[in-house]
Every structure is written in structure tokens, then in C-alpha cells.
N, C-alpha and C. Protein backbone atom coordinates (compact mmCIF):
# COMPACT_ATOMS: atom_id res chain seq x y z
N UNK A 1 0.91 -1.21 0.00
CA UNK A 1 0.04 0.22 -0.01
C UNK A 1 0.85 1.32 0.10
N UNK A 2 0.61 2.43 -0.58
CA UNK A 2 1.29 3.45 -1.10
C UNK A 2 0.78 4.44 -0.45
N UNK A 3 1.06 5.22 0.50
CA UNK A 3 0.64 6.57 0.89
C UNK A 3 1.26 7.68 0.24
N UNK A 4 0.07 8.21 -0.49
CA UNK A 4 0.53 9.91 -1.27
C UNK A 4 0.49 10.77 -0.34
N UNK A 5 1.75 11.33 -0.19
CA UNK A 5 1.24 12.51 0.56
C UNK A 5 1.62 13.80 -0.41
N UNK A 6 0.74 14.60 0.19
CA UNK A 6 0.43 16.04 -1.14
C UNK A 6 0.87 17.88 0.13
N UNK A 7 1.64 18.35 -0.52
CA UNK A 7 2.13 19.56 0.05
C UNK A 7 0.70 20.53 0.02
N UNK A 8 0.16 20.96 1.64
CA UNK A 8 -0.63 22.18 1.35
C UNK A 8 -0.25 23.37 0.63
N UNK A 9 -1.18 24.15 -0.43
CA UNK A 9 -0.68 25.07 -0.97
C UNK A 9 -1.89 26.05 -0.73
N UNK A 10 -1.49 27.27 -0.38
CA UNK A 10 -2.44 28.12 -0.42
C UNK A 10 -2.94 28.51 -1.38
N UNK A 11 -4.18 29.01 -1.22
CA UNK A 11 -4.97 29.59 -2.63
C UNK A 11 -4.51 30.97 -2.92
N UNK A 12 -4.18 31.80 -4.21
CA UNK A 12 -4.07 33.05 -4.44
C UNK A 12 -4.88 33.95 -3.48
N UNK A 13 -4.50 35.10 -2.60
CA UNK A 13 -5.44 35.99 -2.27
C UNK A 13 -6.00 36.74 -3.77
N UNK A 14 -5.41 36.98 -4.22
CA UNK A 14 -6.14 38.01 -5.49
C UNK A 14 -6.90 37.34 -6.59
N UNK A 15 -6.74 38.18 -7.83
CA UNK A 15 -7.50 37.35 -8.89
C UNK A 15 -6.35 36.51 -9.39
N UNK A 16 -6.56 35.57 -10.23
CA UNK A 16 -5.65 34.70 -11.03
C UNK A 16 -5.41 36.17 -12.23
N UNK A 17 -4.02 35.81 -12.23
CA UNK A 17 -2.85 36.33 -13.95
C UNK A 17 -3.89 36.30 -14.90
N UNK A 18 -4.00 37.24 -16.03
CA UNK A 18 -4.68 37.25 -17.26
C UNK A 18 -3.51 37.33 -18.59
N UNK A 19 -3.96 36.01 -19.51
CA UNK A 19 -3.29 35.91 -20.33
C UNK A 19 -3.15 37.05 -21.09
N UNK A 20 -1.95 37.86 -21.77
CA UNK A 20 -2.27 39.04 -22.43
C UNK A 20 -1.16 39.14 -23.73
N UNK A 21 -1.42 39.96 -24.72
CA UNK A 21 -0.10 39.61 -25.42
C UNK A 21 0.07 40.80 -26.39
N UNK A 22 0.88 41.28 -26.58
CA UNK A 22 1.40 42.44 -27.45
C UNK A 22 3.02 41.83 -28.79
N UNK A 23 3.36 42.97 -29.32
CA UNK A 23 4.03 42.72 -30.01
C UNK A 23 5.86 43.33 -29.37
N UNK A 24 6.65 42.28 -29.05
CA UNK A 24 7.61 42.83 -29.00
C UNK A 24 8.68 43.86 -29.44
N UNK A 25 8.81 44.89 -28.69
CA UNK A 25 9.60 45.94 -28.80
C UNK A 25 10.15 46.22 -29.20
N UNK A 26 11.75 45.00 -29.55
CA UNK A 26 12.79 45.06 -29.97
C UNK A 26 12.83 44.42 -31.59
N UNK A 27 12.22 43.27 -31.60
CA UNK A 27 11.56 42.58 -32.55
C UNK A 27 10.90 42.42 -33.83
N UNK A 28 9.59 42.70 -32.99
CA UNK A 28 8.43 42.18 -33.42
C UNK A 28 7.68 41.14 -33.49
N UNK A 29 7.99 40.49 -33.22
CA UNK A 29 7.39 39.13 -32.67
C UNK A 29 5.98 39.13 -31.93
N UNK A 30 5.47 38.55 -31.87
CA UNK A 30 4.02 38.33 -31.34
C UNK A 30 4.00 37.64 -30.46
N UNK A 31 4.10 38.42 -28.83
CA UNK A 31 4.68 37.76 -27.67
C UNK A 31 3.26 37.69 -26.43
N UNK A 32 3.02 36.33 -25.79
CA UNK A 32 2.26 36.31 -24.60
C UNK A 32 2.87 36.44 -23.14
N UNK A 33 2.61 37.23 -22.49
CA UNK A 33 2.62 37.05 -21.00
C UNK A 33 1.80 37.25 -19.60
N UNK A 34 1.86 37.69 -18.43
CA UNK A 34 1.01 37.40 -17.63
C UNK A 34 0.65 38.60 -17.19
N UNK A 35 -0.64 39.18 -17.34
CA UNK A 35 -0.86 40.28 -16.79
C UNK A 35 0.01 41.89 -17.46
N UNK A 36 0.63 41.70 -18.63
CA UNK A 36 1.20 42.92 -19.03
C UNK A 36 2.40 42.88 -18.63
N UNK A 37 3.07 41.33 -18.17
CA UNK A 37 4.45 41.18 -17.87
C UNK A 37 4.89 40.16 -18.98
N UNK A 38 5.83 40.62 -19.91
CA UNK A 38 6.23 40.09 -21.32
C UNK A 38 8.11 39.94 -21.33
N UNK A 39 8.37 38.61 -21.55
CA UNK A 39 9.57 38.24 -22.27
C UNK A 39 9.79 37.46 -24.06
N UNK A 40 10.00 38.03 -24.29
CA UNK A 40 10.69 37.45 -25.90
C UNK A 40 11.40 36.68 -25.81
N UNK A 41 10.97 35.32 -26.20
CA UNK A 41 12.33 34.32 -26.54
C UNK A 41 12.92 34.26 -27.56
N UNK A 42 12.20 35.30 -28.67
CA UNK A 42 13.35 34.84 -29.99
C UNK A 42 14.74 36.24 -29.69
N UNK A 43 13.96 37.08 -28.77
CA UNK A 43 15.77 38.19 -29.10
C UNK A 43 15.94 38.37 -27.21
N UNK A 44 15.14 38.15 -26.38
CA UNK A 44 15.32 38.51 -25.16
C UNK A 44 15.35 39.41 -24.76
N UNK A 45 14.18 40.28 -25.11
CA UNK A 45 14.08 41.65 -24.48
C UNK A 45 12.41 41.17 -23.31
N UNK A 46 12.86 41.78 -22.57
CA UNK A 46 11.31 42.10 -21.15
C UNK A 46 11.40 43.55 -20.92
N UNK A 47 9.58 43.48 -20.68
CA UNK A 47 9.49 44.86 -20.23
C UNK A 47 9.61 45.10 -18.40
N UNK A 48 9.52 45.89 -18.10
CA UNK A 48 10.03 46.08 -16.82
C UNK A 48 8.96 46.05 -16.27
N UNK A 49 9.33 45.09 -14.93
CA UNK A 49 8.00 44.83 -14.37
C UNK A 49 6.94 45.55 -13.74
N UNK A 50 7.12 46.82 -13.49
CA UNK A 50 6.56 47.85 -13.26
C UNK A 50 5.70 48.85 -14.57
N UNK A 51 5.57 47.45 -15.72
CA UNK A 51 5.07 47.52 -16.58
C UNK A 51 3.50 47.01 -16.55
N UNK A 52 3.93 46.05 -15.95
CA UNK A 52 2.13 45.37 -15.91
C UNK A 52 1.08 45.87 -15.55
N UNK A 53 0.03 45.48 -15.68
CA UNK A 53 -1.55 45.80 -15.66
C UNK A 53 -1.78 46.17 -14.25
N UNK A 54 -1.10 45.16 -13.22
CA UNK A 54 -1.24 45.22 -11.89
C UNK A 54 0.08 44.89 -11.11
N UNK A 55 -0.23 45.19 -9.64
CA UNK A 55 0.80 45.33 -8.83
C UNK A 55 1.23 44.13 -8.61
N UNK A 56 2.33 43.68 -7.84
CA UNK A 56 2.99 42.46 -8.09
C UNK A 56 2.72 42.22 -6.47
N UNK A 57 2.78 40.91 -6.47
CA UNK A 57 2.21 40.90 -4.30
C UNK A 57 3.70 40.86 -3.80
N UNK A 58 3.09 41.22 -2.28
CA UNK A 58 4.59 41.32 -1.67
C UNK A 58 5.36 40.22 -1.90
N UNK A 59 6.15 40.30 -0.63
CA UNK A 59 7.07 38.44 -0.34
C UNK A 59 6.04 37.87 0.52
N UNK A 60 5.17 38.65 1.30
CA UNK A 60 4.00 38.03 2.30
C UNK A 60 3.06 37.41 1.86
N UNK A 61 2.88 37.73 0.35
CA UNK A 61 1.88 37.57 -0.28
C UNK A 61 1.94 36.24 -1.11
N UNK A 62 3.28 36.59 -1.76
CA UNK A 62 3.79 35.31 -2.75
C UNK A 62 3.86 34.14 -2.47
N UNK A 63 3.18 33.23 -3.37
CA UNK A 63 3.00 31.41 -3.07
C UNK A 63 4.40 31.51 -2.83
N UNK A 64 5.26 31.41 -3.68
CA UNK A 64 6.47 30.92 -4.02
C UNK A 64 7.53 31.19 -2.85
N UNK A 65 7.44 32.48 -2.33
CA UNK A 65 8.43 32.94 -1.46
C UNK A 65 8.64 32.00 -0.32
N UNK A 66 9.86 31.07 -0.07
CA UNK A 66 10.59 30.23 0.80
C UNK A 66 10.68 30.76 2.02
N UNK A 67 10.67 31.91 2.42
CA UNK A 67 11.58 32.46 3.89
C UNK A 67 10.13 32.32 4.89
N UNK A 68 8.79 31.30 4.81
CA UNK A 68 8.07 31.34 5.55
C UNK A 68 8.46 31.93 7.46
N UNK A 69 8.13 32.35 7.95
CA UNK A 69 8.04 32.14 9.42
C UNK A 69 7.05 31.16 10.25
């Protein structure tokens, strides 16, 4: 008999990110991102984090933050 253990994951406190699309500002390739944050796999261009459509979560609200107390 195998006992399967799963880690408890918190649910996001805010709305889920939206998939958005735009043209890369450097090479023009059509790219998709999450809520206005983009990275181009063709030329390596990324937009600044502050250009997203929403505020980023604080470290306390970030589900991937590993230094929880």
C-alpha cells in the first residue's frame, strides 16, 4: 500500500493573472505574457516589472516565497 502525501498549497489571495498579448518592442514578434508582463523568447527583450497591469504581490503574499516564518 502506498501512502500519497501532498503539500498543502495556499490559494492566491487576489485575482488570477490574465494571459495578454503584444508585439515585442525590439524585434516585433507576437508574444504572450501574464497580466502585461512580457519576455520575448526570440530576442530576449523583457519589459520592466512596473509596466504590468497590476501590482506584484508582496513577499508575504507570494506563494513561491520560501522564507516563511
